[in-house]
Amino acid sequence: VQLVESGGGLVQPGGSLRLSCAASGFTFSNYAMSWYRQAPGKARELVAGIIQAGGSTNYADSVKGRFTMSRDNAKNTVDLQMNSLKFEDTAVYYCSARSRLSGNNYWGQGTQVTGSS
């Protein structure tokens, strides 16, 4: 099982980044997918989630209207489009896959997003 995030980097406030997560080794379409983030000294927090079939998403209040999550079950990928980035969005962003049916929960290694002044 692998979840590989990409797309992180340095970005100025107000800028945009698009994170991607490529999944392999499990039946991707059976899993709800989420993006989490963890800032230095803080607990990991849920940023966005999307159901197995896509179309229904949920977002943390702090990112609503700025971030958009999507998935492509044909390509086994999920994306997180991040617009109007703020310095406080600086964190390591993690991709997560969860199946309520099997109880499995997988995590990627994370990708760093850093706001610059």
C-alpha atoms as a PDB file:
ATOM      1  CA  VAL A   1       0.000   0.000   0.000  1.00  0.00           C
ATOM      2  CA  GLN A   2       1.305   3.426  -0.917  1.00  0.00           C
ATOM      3  CA  LEU A   3       0.031   6.977  -0.698  1.00  0.00           C
ATOM      4  CA  VAL A   4       2.476   9.411  -2.251  1.00  0.00           C
ATOM      5  CA  GLU A   5       1.880  13.134  -1.874  1.00  0.00           C
ATOM      6  CA  SER A   6       3.392  15.761  -4.124  1.00  0.00           C
ATOM      7  CA  GLY A   7       3.025  19.420  -4.950  1.00  0.00           C
ATOM      8  CA  GLY A   8       4.138  21.061  -1.745  1.00  0.00           C
ATOM      9  CA  GLY A   9       6.491  23.997  -1.680  1.00  0.00           C
ATOM     10  CA  LEU A  10       7.096  27.590  -0.766  1.00  0.00           C
ATOM     11  CA  VAL A  11       4.314  30.032  -1.495  1.00  0.00           C
ATOM     12  CA  GLN A  12       3.619  33.676  -0.775  1.00  0.00           C
ATOM     13  CA  PRO A  13       0.420  34.664   1.038  1.00  0.00           C
ATOM     14  CA  GLY A  14      -2.388  34.895  -1.458  1.00  0.00           C
ATOM     15  CA  GLY A  15      -0.778  32.352  -3.719  1.00  0.00           C
ATOM     16  CA  SER A  16      -1.954  28.903  -4.805  1.00  0.00           C
ATOM     17  CA  LEU A  17      -0.683  25.356  -4.692  1.00  0.00           C
ATOM     18  CA  ARG A  18      -2.139  22.081  -5.863  1.00  0.00           C
ATOM     19  CA  LEU A  19      -1.325  18.976  -3.854  1.00  0.00           C
ATOM     20  CA  SER A  20      -1.733  15.516  -5.326  1.00  0.00           C
ATOM     21  CA  CYS A  21      -1.832  12.080  -3.752  1.00  0.00           C
ATOM     22  CA  ALA A  22      -1.257   8.940  -5.799  1.00  0.00           C
ATOM     23  CA  ALA A  23      -2.600   5.721  -4.284  1.00  0.00           C
ATOM     24  CA  SER A  24      -1.637   2.131  -5.009  1.00  0.00           C
ATOM     25  CA  GLY A  25      -1.908  -1.298  -3.446  1.00  0.00           C
ATOM     26  CA  PHE A  26      -5.556  -1.172  -2.423  1.00  0.00           C
ATOM     27  CA  THR A  27      -8.995  -0.721  -3.996  1.00  0.00           C
ATOM     28  CA  PHE A  28      -8.995   3.042  -4.110  1.00  0.00           C
ATOM     29  CA  SER A  29     -12.670   3.470  -4.960  1.00  0.00           C
ATOM     30  CA  ASN A  30     -13.663   1.677  -1.731  1.00  0.00           C
ATOM     31  CA  TYR A  31     -11.933   4.243   0.451  1.00  0.00           C
ATOM     32  CA  ALA A  32     -12.922   7.656   1.694  1.00  0.00           C
ATOM     33  CA  MET A  33      -9.992  10.001   1.259  1.00  0.00           C
ATOM     34  CA  SER A  34      -8.882  12.910   3.390  1.00  0.00           C
ATOM     35  CA  TRP A  35      -6.206  15.547   3.642  1.00  0.00           C
ATOM     36  CA  TYR A  36      -4.800  16.344   7.063  1.00  0.00           C
ATOM     37  CA  ARG A  37      -2.142  18.813   8.082  1.00  0.00           C
ATOM     38  CA  GLN A  38       0.183  19.246  11.003  1.00  0.00           C
ATOM     39  CA  ALA A  39       1.865  22.518  11.828  1.00  0.00           C
ATOM     40  CA  PRO A  40       4.935  22.665  14.077  1.00  0.00           C
ATOM     41  CA  GLY A  41       3.960  22.156  17.702  1.00  0.00           C
ATOM     42  CA  LYS A  42       0.326  21.467  16.863  1.00  0.00           C
ATOM     43  CA  ALA A  43      -1.860  18.396  16.574  1.00  0.00           C
ATOM     44  CA  ARG A  44      -2.699  16.920  13.212  1.00  0.00           C
ATOM     45  CA  GLU A  45      -5.994  18.313  11.955  1.00  0.00           C
ATOM     46  CA  LEU A  46      -8.473  17.347   9.259  1.00  0.00           C
ATOM     47  CA  VAL A  47      -8.421  19.745   6.316  1.00  0.00           C
ATOM     48  CA  ALA A  48     -10.782  18.121   3.818  1.00  0.00           C
ATOM     49  CA  GLY A  49     -12.474  14.826   3.050  1.00  0.00           C
ATOM     50  CA  ILE A  50     -14.246  13.216   0.124  1.00  0.00           C
ATOM     51  CA  ILE A  51     -16.427  10.131  -0.054  1.00  0.00           C
ATOM     52  CA  GLN A  52     -15.653   7.014  -2.089  1.00  0.00           C
ATOM     53  CA  ALA A  53     -17.642   8.024  -5.155  1.00  0.00           C
ATOM     54  CA  GLY A  54     -16.544  11.638  -5.011  1.00  0.00           C
ATOM     55  CA  GLY A  55     -18.904  14.577  -5.258  1.00  0.00           C
ATOM     56  CA  SER A  56     -19.478  15.005  -1.542  1.00  0.00           C
ATOM     57  CA  THR A  57     -16.772  16.850   0.324  1.00  0.00           C
ATOM     58  CA  ASN A  58     -16.287  18.423   3.711  1.00  0.00           C
ATOM     59  CA  TYR A  59     -13.813  21.070   4.804  1.00  0.00           C
ATOM     60  CA  ALA A  60     -12.414  22.539   7.958  1.00  0.00           C
ATOM     61  CA  ASP A  61     -13.874  25.970   8.643  1.00  0.00           C
ATOM     62  CA  SER A  62     -10.428  27.492   8.310  1.00  0.00           C
ATOM     63  CA  VAL A  63     -10.123  26.484   4.652  1.00  0.00           C
ATOM     64  CA  LYS A  64     -13.720  26.671   3.397  1.00  0.00           C
ATOM     65  CA  GLY A  65     -13.989  28.724   0.261  1.00  0.00           C
ATOM     66  CA  ARG A  66     -10.237  28.560  -0.338  1.00  0.00           C
ATOM     67  CA  PHE A  67      -9.460  24.844  -0.699  1.00  0.00           C
ATOM     68  CA  THR A  68     -11.098  22.343  -3.042  1.00  0.00           C
ATOM     69  CA  MET A  69     -10.653  18.592  -2.834  1.00  0.00           C
ATOM     70  CA  SER A  70     -11.297  16.245  -5.728  1.00  0.00           C
ATOM     71  CA  ARG A  71     -10.649  12.636  -6.643  1.00  0.00           C
ATOM     72  CA  ASP A  72     -10.238  10.594  -9.805  1.00  0.00           C
ATOM     73  CA  ASN A  73     -11.104   6.957  -9.200  1.00  0.00           C
ATOM     74  CA  ALA A  74      -9.852   6.014 -12.671  1.00  0.00           C
ATOM     75  CA  LYS A  75      -6.382   7.357 -11.876  1.00  0.00           C
ATOM     76  CA  ASN A  76      -6.365   6.536  -8.139  1.00  0.00           C
ATOM     77  CA  THR A  77      -5.559  10.104  -7.231  1.00  0.00           C
ATOM     78  CA  VAL A  78      -6.863  12.847  -4.996  1.00  0.00           C
ATOM     79  CA  ASP A  79      -5.995  16.501  -5.283  1.00  0.00           C
ATOM     80  CA  LEU A  80      -6.218  19.492  -3.003  1.00  0.00           C
ATOM     81  CA  GLN A  81      -6.372  22.848  -4.747  1.00  0.00           C
ATOM     82  CA  MET A  82      -5.317  25.511  -2.288  1.00  0.00           C
ATOM     83  CA  ASN A  83      -6.010  29.144  -3.142  1.00  0.00           C
ATOM     84  CA  SER A  84      -5.606  32.382  -1.213  1.00  0.00           C
ATOM     85  CA  LEU A  85      -2.998  30.734   0.955  1.00  0.00           C
ATOM     86  CA  LYS A  86      -2.251  32.230   4.326  1.00  0.00           C
ATOM     87  CA  PHE A  87       0.864  32.010   6.412  1.00  0.00           C
ATOM     88  CA  GLU A  88      -1.072  29.917   8.924  1.00  0.00           C
ATOM     89  CA  ASP A  89      -1.611  27.254   6.246  1.00  0.00           C
ATOM     90  CA  THR A  90       2.052  26.349   6.712  1.00  0.00           C
ATOM     91  CA  ALA A  91       2.174  22.678   7.672  1.00  0.00           C
ATOM     92  CA  VAL A  92       3.011  19.195   6.513  1.00  0.00           C
ATOM     93  CA  TYR A  93       0.025  17.947   4.532  1.00  0.00           C
ATOM     94  CA  TYR A  94      -0.871  14.257   4.663  1.00  0.00           C
ATOM     95  CA  CYS A  95      -3.084  12.144   2.457  1.00  0.00           C
ATOM     96  CA  SER A  96      -5.193   9.514   4.228  1.00  0.00           C
ATOM     97  CA  ALA A  97      -7.359   6.629   3.059  1.00  0.00           C
ATOM     98  CA  ARG A  98      -9.981   5.040   5.297  1.00  0.00           C
ATOM     99  CA  SER A  99     -12.352   2.137   4.846  1.00  0.00           C
ATOM    100  CA  ARG A 100     -15.146   1.755   7.398  1.00  0.00           C
ATOM    101  CA  LEU A 101     -15.850  -1.702   6.015  1.00  0.00           C
ATOM    102  CA  SER A 102     -12.363  -3.106   6.608  1.00  0.00           C
ATOM    103  CA  GLY A 103     -11.200  -0.714   9.297  1.00  0.00           C
ATOM    104  CA  ASN A 104      -8.034  -0.011   7.317  1.00  0.00           C
ATOM    105  CA  ASN A 105      -6.500   3.450   7.532  1.00  0.00           C
ATOM    106  CA  TYR A 106      -3.490   4.359   5.408  1.00  0.00           C
ATOM    107  CA  TRP A 107      -1.280   7.438   5.476  1.00  0.00           C
ATOM    108  CA  GLY A 108       1.174   9.053   3.130  1.00  0.00           C
ATOM    109  CA  GLN A 109       4.549  10.445   4.146  1.00  0.00           C
ATOM    110  CA  GLY A 110       3.446  14.053   3.862  1.00  0.00           C
ATOM    111  CA  THR A 111       4.419  17.066   1.785  1.00  0.00           C
ATOM    112  CA  GLN A 112       5.553  20.394   3.202  1.00  0.00           C
ATOM    113  CA  VAL A 113       3.688  23.616   2.455  1.00  0.00           C
ATOM    114  CA  THR A 114       5.471  26.718   3.680  1.00  0.00           C
ATOM    115  CA  GLY A 115       4.201  30.257   3.559  1.00  0.00           C
ATOM    116  CA  SER A 116       6.837  32.890   2.903  1.00  0.00           C
ATOM    117  CA  SER A 117       6.767  36.579   3.594  1.00  0.00           C
END
